[in-house]
Amino acid sequence: MRRSTSFSMFMLAGTAFAAGCGDNDDDATTTDPVSIVATAQETPSLSTLVAALEFASNDGDLVDLLSASGTLTVFAPSNAAFDALAIELTGNSGAKGADLLTAANKPLLRTVLTYHVLTIEVNAAAIPFGMPITTAEGSVFKIEAGSPPVVIDGRNRTAQITGTDIDASNGVIHLIDKVILPADKNIVQTAQAAAGAATPEFTILVEAVVAADLAATLSGAGPFTVFAPTDDAFAALLGELGATKDQLLANKPLLVEVLTYHVVPGRVFEAAVPIDTPITTVQTDQLSINADLTITDARGRTSNIVGTEVQTSNGVIHVIDKVLLPAQ
């Protein structure tokens, strides 16, 4: 039987999988693990999760999913985590997790709950740190190693894993201190949000994508990996080309060549970047990335990756400090 490993001194008292204690080893007893749902039902700090599963189920389907035989992994948010989500979503500082259980929220709850489930069993020792992890909902999140490990969700929010490897008859439970949410913006929407932020970024990139008629493509299913130049990177390019922004935006063939050179098919997280190996872009020319996350483009120019893994619904964005150029 696996034991719960807690990073916050979490104690599971009185659960069905707790071992009995006696004066000697002969008196010790162990109860066989029960299902994920039954384990959660017997854990007071997971009562809101249970209530949400029951409320969001259609004819009991979510409860059945986590009760049936199988090999699942559930990242289980605490009651406090659901309370924090209620405050986040409603803006009401006194909101509680139970306030989320409304008919209007049911579709969101179903999406969110299945986003916490993996359809395979992944123990703590097998977590693929730094890699995209696909959920039963269909979206991804990643986990960064640490003490405690940190989950980074599709909206680039973070949650700490506070307990691991709680055994159940149909899988394993890991405890988290925040409800994680799937991405709600695609690559273009994410760049547009950054361009409209209090400290704007990617404003020229967004204008260039629109001028090149690439917004629909980069809003598509993908997934794509985009190396996104900052506004300062575009300003430097204008100086390098001896052009104004208006001249650059008016040159659609050049924009298409340059922008598609910044896109790689697939969702490539930092941990999976092929170091010192030619990477073929959507534009078809290649670039390479070294261990220091410096990109060398087809003209031998270099750009640094200064921000990694901004997750979106259809891929991932890495921020770079110089515009890349394909071969002449």
Foldseek 3Di string as FASTA:
>chain_A
DDDKDFLVPDDQPPFQQDWDDDPDPVPIDGGDFAFPLSRLVSGVFQVLVNVLQVLLDDVSPSVCVRHDAAAKEFAGATQQQLQVVQCVVVVDNRRGNVVCSDPVNSVVSVLLRQQRMARHAAFPVRFPAQDWGATSSGATWHWHVDSFIWIQAQQRDIWTFGITAPDHNRYTYTYIHHRGHHFDAFPLRVLVVQCPDPNHWCPLVNLLCVLLVNPVVSRDQFQKEFAGEIPQQVVVVCVVVVHDSVVVSNPNVQSVLQRQQRIATDAAFPVRFDAPDWGATSSGATWHAHPQQWIQEQVRDIKHQPATFNHHRRYTYTYIHHRHHHDD
